[in-house]
Amino acid sequence: MNNLFLKNRTSIQLVTTLIFIYALYNFVTSTADSIEGNQINEISNQGIVEVITVNIPQGSAASEISSILDSTGIVTSKLAFELYLRNENLTDKLRAGTYELPNNLSFEEVTALLLKGPPLKTYTITVPEGLWISETLEILSAQTGYDVLQLENSLTSGLVTSSYLDSTEALELQNWEGLLFPNTYQIDIEANGEEILQIMVSELEKRYELLLSNYSVPEWINNSNEFFTVASLIEAEAKLDEDRPLVSSVIRNRLNDNMLLQIDAAVLYALQKRKSQVLLIDLQVDSPYNIYKFTGLPPTPISGFGEKAMQAIFDTPENDFIYYLLTDINGKMTFTNNYEDFINLKNKAKEEGVIP
């Protein structure tokens, strides 16, 4: 009789304990929801929305995060937010970092942002191939907010360095022609002019050195400056990738034969004018970049160039072409070693409106 009574008493106590735990769980859950609702109503009633910078240190526990959000005004109850995280099983899933959070978010919205992580503080800049250094700095200015003169001073300050310029050469703007690699970059919003320019200079070095690890520089090119200059001429002249190595072959063949290169893009660079047609009077300009008057390569590259222009030099085929001409409105070029053929191609291209 006593044993049966004790067993019944124990069972009653167990059931009572379970009922109490279940009731407590429901109370905690409803309290968290209620407080969250009150938080939203309270902020809504106030009508004041602020964006607050919040830093969540690495390794912060749910209680620490809740305390930080409470102290900065993102949530109105440390306890309620911590209970919410525990209820949703999210206590160890929030990411550290610096956030800019409005103070009118629900628990769910705040948590979604902390699960995603802080936004990257970068912006994108794009510099296309074929630009002169002056044009490159102009497009950088438009995308970064730095004044062109500021960027010029940064580039020639001695704080930006290149493996392909000595300290004296680096002080002259023109010597930087072609050494800023055209590309799309992600830039830290706090990067200054020198840092942005150094990124572009270092990118060219990295691309070139990677090519050198796989190829040998052709014998007809003596140094890196000549390589970059040829690459810039290829970039300026070839419209299609398939024609780049052939343009390179014409440059090589003319250099080997001690012929004038006679490339219009270099004359335009000497004039610092963008024109669709080079006139006879333009060919009289007295400049080492006028390779209608002076044999050999220009003293520096004439523009920025991409990796495909560099690759074309390594892919230069063996042939005897010394002339090329744009012969199709889609950019296709024709190559020949015969001057009479060249003149006939030129007349036909003019008739068809391919060239002016």
Protein backbone atom coordinates (compact mmCIF):
# COMPACT_ATOMS: atom_id res chain seq x y z
CA MET A 1 0.00 0.00 0.00
CA ASN A 2 2.79 2.44 0.92
CA ASN A 3 4.78 1.53 -2.21
CA LEU A 4 1.78 2.17 -4.46
CA PHE A 5 1.21 5.54 -2.80
CA LEU A 6 4.83 6.53 -3.31
CA LYS A 7 4.76 5.54 -6.98
CA ASN A 8 1.60 7.58 -7.59
CA ARG A 9 3.07 10.54 -5.75
CA THR A 10 6.25 10.42 -7.87
CA SER A 11 4.24 10.24 -11.09
CA ILE A 12 2.16 13.25 -10.07
CA GLN A 13 5.31 15.24 -9.29
CA LEU A 14 6.84 14.33 -12.68
CA VAL A 15 3.72 15.36 -14.59
CA THR A 16 3.54 18.62 -12.61
CA THR A 17 7.18 19.39 -13.43
CA LEU A 18 6.66 18.76 -17.13
CA ILE A 19 3.59 20.99 -17.18
CA PHE A 20 5.57 23.73 -15.44
CA ILE A 21 8.47 23.51 -17.96
CA TYR A 22 6.07 23.63 -20.91
CA ALA A 23 4.27 26.64 -19.47
CA LEU A 24 7.59 28.41 -18.82
CA TYR A 25 8.73 27.79 -22.43
CA ASN A 26 5.51 29.26 -23.82
CA PHE A 27 5.82 32.23 -21.49
CA VAL A 28 9.43 32.96 -22.59
CA THR A 29 8.54 32.63 -26.28
CA SER A 30 5.48 34.84 -26.06
CA THR A 31 7.41 37.36 -23.96
CA ALA A 32 10.14 37.64 -26.62
CA ASP A 33 7.53 38.07 -29.35
CA SER A 34 5.61 40.56 -27.28
CA ILE A 35 8.69 42.64 -26.49
CA GLU A 36 9.72 42.62 -30.15
CA GLY A 37 6.26 43.83 -31.08
CA ASN A 38 6.43 46.53 -28.43
CA GLN A 39 9.87 47.53 -29.74
CA ILE A 40 8.52 48.00 -33.27
CA ASN A 41 5.49 49.91 -32.00
CA GLU A 42 7.63 52.09 -29.76
CA ILE A 43 9.99 53.10 -32.58
CA SER A 44 7.09 53.55 -34.98
CA ASN A 45 5.35 55.83 -32.51
CA GLN A 46 8.49 57.88 -32.01
CA GLY A 47 8.89 58.34 -35.78
CA ILE A 48 12.67 58.89 -35.43
CA VAL A 49 14.84 56.63 -37.56
CA GLU A 50 18.61 56.76 -37.23
CA VAL A 51 21.37 54.79 -38.93
CA ILE A 52 23.79 53.69 -36.24
CA THR A 53 27.30 52.28 -36.69
CA VAL A 54 27.64 49.05 -34.73
CA ASN A 55 30.81 46.99 -34.31
CA ILE A 56 30.49 43.32 -33.43
CA PRO A 57 33.89 41.99 -32.27
CA GLN A 58 35.14 38.64 -33.51
CA GLY A 59 34.03 35.76 -31.29
CA SER A 60 31.19 37.65 -29.58
CA ALA A 61 28.61 35.46 -27.82
CA ALA A 62 24.87 35.98 -28.27
CA SER A 63 24.65 37.76 -24.93
CA GLU A 64 27.45 40.16 -25.91
CA ILE A 65 25.86 40.90 -29.29
CA SER A 66 22.51 41.49 -27.62
CA SER A 67 24.14 43.85 -25.14
CA ILE A 68 25.88 45.82 -27.93
CA LEU A 69 22.67 46.17 -29.92
CA ASP A 70 20.81 47.23 -26.79
CA SER A 71 23.40 49.83 -25.80
CA THR A 72 23.44 51.36 -29.31
CA GLY A 73 19.67 51.52 -29.57
CA ILE A 74 19.22 48.97 -32.34
CA VAL A 75 17.05 46.85 -30.03
CA THR A 76 15.21 48.01 -26.94
CA SER A 77 15.71 44.87 -24.86
CA LYS A 78 18.90 42.90 -24.50
CA LEU A 79 17.06 40.02 -22.83
CA ALA A 80 14.30 39.80 -25.44
CA PHE A 81 16.76 39.75 -28.36
CA GLU A 82 18.92 37.11 -26.71
CA LEU A 83 15.83 34.98 -26.05
CA TYR A 84 14.84 35.43 -29.70
CA LEU A 85 18.27 34.21 -30.88
CA ARG A 86 18.11 31.18 -28.61
CA ASN A 87 14.58 30.36 -29.67
CA GLU A 88 15.64 30.50 -33.36
CA ASN A 89 18.84 28.53 -32.71
CA LEU A 90 20.99 31.39 -34.07
CA THR A 91 23.24 32.13 -31.12
CA ASP A 92 26.45 31.03 -32.88
CA LYS A 93 25.62 32.04 -36.45
CA LEU A 94 25.92 35.84 -36.37
CA ARG A 95 28.94 37.39 -38.09
CA ALA A 96 31.39 39.88 -36.67
CA GLY A 97 32.16 43.18 -38.34
CA THR A 98 31.12 46.81 -38.60
CA TYR A 99 27.51 47.46 -39.58
CA GLU A 100 25.42 50.52 -40.29
CA LEU A 101 21.96 49.62 -39.00
CA PRO A 102 18.71 51.59 -38.83
CA ASN A 103 17.11 51.64 -35.39
CA ASN A 104 13.66 50.70 -36.70
CA LEU A 105 14.31 47.07 -37.63
CA SER A 106 12.52 44.04 -36.25
CA PHE A 107 14.47 41.25 -34.57
CA GLU A 108 14.12 39.20 -37.74
CA GLU A 109 15.49 42.01 -39.92
CA VAL A 110 18.43 42.73 -37.61
CA THR A 111 19.26 39.04 -37.46
CA ALA A 112 19.11 38.68 -41.26
CA LEU A 113 21.71 41.42 -41.63
CA LEU A 114 23.98 39.93 -38.97
CA LEU A 115 23.72 36.52 -40.63
CA LYS A 116 24.73 38.02 -43.98
CA GLY A 117 27.71 39.90 -42.61
CA PRO A 118 28.88 43.50 -43.05
CA PRO A 119 29.00 44.95 -46.57
CA LEU A 120 32.39 45.16 -48.23
CA LYS A 121 33.63 48.73 -48.18
CA THR A 122 34.86 48.83 -51.76
CA TYR A 123 33.82 50.32 -55.06
CA THR A 124 34.49 49.36 -58.66
CA ILE A 125 36.56 51.26 -61.19
CA THR A 126 37.08 50.29 -64.83
CA VAL A 127 39.87 51.53 -67.09
CA PRO A 128 39.62 50.37 -70.73
CA GLU A 129 42.56 49.52 -72.98
CA GLY A 130 44.01 51.99 -75.45
CA LEU A 131 43.90 55.16 -73.33
CA TRP A 132 46.76 57.67 -73.10
CA ILE A 133 48.07 58.33 -69.60
CA SER A 134 46.26 61.69 -69.58
CA GLU A 135 42.98 59.96 -70.47
CA THR A 136 43.60 57.23 -67.92
CA LEU A 137 43.99 59.81 -65.15
CA GLU A 138 40.84 61.59 -66.34
CA ILE A 139 38.75 58.42 -66.17
CA LEU A 140 40.26 57.58 -62.77
CA SER A 141 39.35 61.05 -61.57
CA ALA A 142 35.76 60.62 -62.73
CA GLN A 143 35.44 57.29 -60.89
CA THR A 144 37.38 58.02 -57.70
CA GLY A 145 36.68 61.70 -57.07
CA TYR A 146 40.38 62.59 -57.00
CA ASP A 147 41.35 65.60 -59.09
CA VAL A 148 43.41 64.88 -62.24
CA LEU A 149 46.22 67.12 -60.98
CA GLN A 150 46.17 65.26 -57.67
CA LEU A 151 46.57 61.96 -59.51
CA GLU A 152 49.38 63.34 -61.66
CA ASN A 153 51.19 64.51 -58.53
CA SER A 154 50.59 61.16 -56.85
CA LEU A 155 51.99 59.26 -59.82
CA THR A 156 55.15 61.38 -59.99
CA SER A 157 55.60 61.82 -56.24
CA GLY A 158 58.02 58.92 -55.84
CA LEU A 159 55.48 57.09 -53.66
CA VAL A 160 54.29 54.97 -56.59
CA THR A 161 57.00 52.60 -57.80
CA SER A 162 57.49 50.38 -60.84
CA SER A 163 60.06 47.68 -61.49
CA TYR A 164 60.39 49.14 -64.98
CA LEU A 165 61.28 52.71 -64.00
CA ASP A 166 64.15 54.00 -61.91
CA SER A 167 63.52 56.67 -59.30
CA THR A 168 64.46 59.51 -61.69
CA GLU A 169 62.32 58.27 -64.57
CA ALA A 170 59.34 57.89 -62.23
CA LEU A 171 59.26 61.65 -61.65
CA GLU A 172 58.14 62.35 -65.25
CA LEU A 173 54.52 61.69 -66.15
CA GLN A 174 55.18 60.56 -69.74
CA ASN A 175 57.43 57.75 -68.54
CA TRP A 176 54.38 56.18 -66.87
CA GLU A 177 52.66 55.77 -70.24
CA GLY A 178 51.52 52.17 -70.58
CA LEU A 179 52.52 51.13 -67.06
CA LEU A 180 49.02 51.37 -65.53
CA PHE A 181 47.25 48.15 -66.44
CA PRO A 182 43.73 48.64 -67.87
CA ASN A 183 41.30 46.47 -65.94
CA THR A 184 38.29 46.43 -63.61
CA TYR A 185 39.33 46.81 -59.97
CA GLN A 186 37.68 46.64 -56.57
CA ILE A 187 39.06 49.59 -54.62
CA ASP A 188 38.87 50.15 -50.87
CA ILE A 189 36.84 53.29 -50.20
CA GLU A 190 39.64 54.63 -48.02
CA ALA A 191 42.40 54.10 -50.63
CA ASN A 192 44.25 57.29 -51.57
CA GLY A 193 45.52 58.24 -55.02
CA GLU A 194 48.94 56.65 -54.57
CA GLU A 195 47.41 53.36 -53.43
CA ILE A 196 45.00 53.20 -56.39
CA LEU A 197 47.76 53.93 -58.90
CA GLN A 198 50.09 51.42 -57.26
CA ILE A 199 47.44 48.71 -57.61
CA MET A 200 47.31 49.33 -61.36
CA VAL A 201 51.11 49.43 -61.71
CA SER A 202 51.52 46.23 -59.70
CA GLU A 203 48.84 44.50 -61.79
CA LEU A 204 50.83 45.12 -64.99
CA GLU A 205 53.98 43.75 -63.34
CA LYS A 206 52.12 40.65 -62.20
CA ARG A 207 50.58 39.97 -65.64
CA TYR A 208 53.86 40.52 -67.48
CA GLU A 209 55.90 38.39 -65.10
CA LEU A 210 53.37 35.58 -65.37
CA LEU A 211 53.75 35.63 -69.16
CA LEU A 212 57.53 35.61 -68.79
CA SER A 213 57.29 32.49 -66.64
CA ASN A 214 55.74 30.69 -69.63
CA TYR A 215 57.38 32.36 -72.65
CA SER A 216 60.68 33.87 -73.74
CA VAL A 217 60.75 37.42 -75.04
CA PRO A 218 61.40 37.35 -78.82
CA GLU A 219 64.93 38.24 -79.93
CA TRP A 220 63.75 41.30 -81.89
CA ILE A 221 62.68 42.96 -78.61
CA ASN A 222 65.55 44.16 -76.42
CA ASN A 223 63.95 45.19 -73.12
CA SER A 224 60.70 45.64 -71.22
CA ASN A 225 60.15 49.18 -72.51
CA GLU A 226 60.31 47.96 -76.11
CA PHE A 227 57.97 45.09 -75.25
CA PHE A 228 55.40 47.43 -73.69
CA THR A 229 55.75 49.87 -76.60
CA VAL A 230 55.05 47.15 -79.17
CA ALA A 231 52.09 45.95 -77.08
CA SER A 232 50.67 49.49 -77.06
CA LEU A 233 51.00 49.75 -80.85
CA ILE A 234 49.22 46.41 -81.27
CA GLU A 235 46.48 47.58 -78.89
CA ALA A 236 46.02 50.78 -80.90
CA GLU A 237 45.98 49.14 -84.32
CA ALA A 238 44.28 45.72 -84.11
CA LYS A 239 40.51 45.59 -83.71
CA LEU A 240 40.17 41.80 -83.60
CA ASP A 241 42.11 39.35 -81.45
CA GLU A 242 42.98 37.20 -84.46
CA ASP A 243 44.79 40.14 -86.08
CA ARG A 244 46.93 41.07 -83.09
CA PRO A 245 49.78 38.58 -83.75
CA LEU A 246 49.80 39.61 -87.44
CA VAL A 247 50.13 43.30 -86.56
CA SER A 248 53.01 42.27 -84.32
CA SER A 249 54.62 40.47 -87.27
CA VAL A 250 54.44 43.61 -89.44
CA ILE A 251 56.10 45.66 -86.69
CA ARG A 252 58.83 43.04 -86.33
CA ASN A 253 59.43 42.78 -90.09
CA ARG A 254 59.65 46.56 -90.52
CA LEU A 255 62.04 46.90 -87.58
CA ASN A 256 64.23 44.12 -88.97
CA ASP A 257 64.27 45.83 -92.40
CA ASN A 258 64.98 49.25 -90.83
CA MET A 259 61.76 50.59 -92.35
CA LEU A 260 59.65 53.41 -90.95
CA LEU A 261 56.82 51.91 -88.91
CA GLN A 262 54.37 54.55 -90.20
CA ILE A 263 51.66 53.91 -87.59
CA ASP A 264 49.00 56.62 -87.41
CA ALA A 265 48.21 56.03 -83.75
CA ALA A 266 51.73 57.12 -82.78
CA VAL A 267 51.35 60.35 -84.77
CA LEU A 268 48.06 61.10 -83.01
CA TYR A 269 49.82 60.48 -79.72
CA ALA A 270 52.50 62.98 -80.72
CA LEU A 271 49.77 65.51 -81.52
CA GLN A 272 47.72 64.54 -78.44
CA LYS A 273 44.63 64.65 -80.64
CA ARG A 274 42.01 62.01 -81.24
CA LYS A 275 41.10 62.09 -84.94
CA SER A 276 39.57 59.62 -87.39
CA GLN A 277 42.07 60.54 -90.09
CA VAL A 278 45.73 61.58 -90.08
CA LEU A 279 46.39 64.37 -92.60
CA LEU A 280 49.61 65.10 -94.50
CA ILE A 281 50.22 68.15 -92.34
CA ASP A 282 50.00 65.94 -89.25
CA LEU A 283 52.87 63.83 -90.56
CA GLN A 284 55.16 66.85 -90.31
CA VAL A 285 55.01 67.02 -86.52
CA ASP A 286 58.51 67.06 -85.06
CA SER A 287 58.31 64.38 -82.40
CA PRO A 288 60.11 61.09 -81.71
CA TYR A 289 56.60 59.58 -81.66
CA ASN A 290 56.17 60.52 -85.34
CA ILE A 291 57.31 57.19 -86.76
CA TYR A 292 56.61 58.44 -90.26
CA LYS A 293 59.79 60.52 -89.83
CA PHE A 294 61.90 58.51 -87.38
CA THR A 295 62.85 54.85 -87.67
CA GLY A 296 62.53 52.43 -84.79
CA LEU A 297 60.02 52.36 -81.96
CA PRO A 298 58.65 55.41 -80.14
CA PRO A 299 60.51 56.22 -76.91
CA THR A 300 57.68 54.91 -74.69
CA PRO A 301 54.38 53.08 -75.10
CA ILE A 302 51.64 55.22 -76.65
CA SER A 303 48.75 53.91 -74.52
CA GLY A 304 47.61 51.39 -71.98
CA PHE A 305 47.36 47.83 -73.30
CA GLY A 306 45.79 44.58 -72.19
CA GLU A 307 47.06 41.06 -71.76
CA LYS A 308 45.93 40.00 -75.26
CA ALA A 309 48.20 42.62 -76.81
CA MET A 310 51.11 41.27 -74.75
CA GLN A 311 50.26 37.69 -75.63
CA ALA A 312 50.22 38.60 -79.33
CA ILE A 313 53.94 39.39 -79.18
CA PHE A 314 54.73 35.87 -77.98
CA ASP A 315 52.42 34.49 -80.69
CA THR A 316 53.97 36.50 -83.54
CA PRO A 317 54.00 34.24 -86.64
CA GLU A 318 56.77 33.95 -89.21
CA ASN A 319 55.80 35.76 -92.43
CA ASP A 320 56.97 38.56 -94.75
CA PHE A 321 54.06 40.97 -94.25
CA ILE A 322 55.04 44.64 -94.13
CA TYR A 323 51.63 46.25 -94.81
CA TYR A 324 48.23 45.99 -93.19
CA LEU A 325 44.96 47.78 -93.70
CA LEU A 326 41.48 47.81 -92.22
CA THR A 327 39.34 46.25 -94.97
CA ASP A 328 36.06 45.43 -93.24
CA ILE A 329 33.67 47.54 -91.19
CA ASN A 330 33.65 44.78 -88.56
CA GLY A 331 37.34 45.41 -87.87
CA LYS A 332 38.99 42.75 -90.02
CA MET A 333 42.41 43.64 -91.42
CA THR A 334 44.23 42.41 -94.53
CA PHE A 335 47.99 41.83 -94.57
CA THR A 336 50.38 41.81 -97.51
CA ASN A 337 54.04 42.20 -98.50
CA ASN A 338 53.23 43.91 -101.81
CA TYR A 339 52.90 47.68 -102.03
CA GLU A 340 50.72 47.58 -105.16
CA ASP A 341 48.33 45.19 -103.41
CA PHE A 342 48.29 47.53 -100.44
CA ILE A 343 47.32 50.52 -102.63
CA ASN A 344 44.58 48.51 -104.33
CA LEU A 345 43.23 47.38 -100.95
CA LYS A 346 43.31 50.97 -99.72
CA ASN A 347 41.36 52.28 -102.71
CA LYS A 348 38.76 49.55 -102.35
CA ALA A 349 38.38 50.20 -98.60
CA LYS A 350 37.80 53.89 -99.33
CA GLU A 351 35.19 53.10 -101.97
CA GLU A 352 33.35 50.84 -99.53
CA GLY A 353 33.48 53.44 -96.78
CA VAL A 354 35.62 51.28 -94.49
CA ILE A 355 38.27 54.00 -94.15
CA PRO A 356 37.96 57.77 -94.76
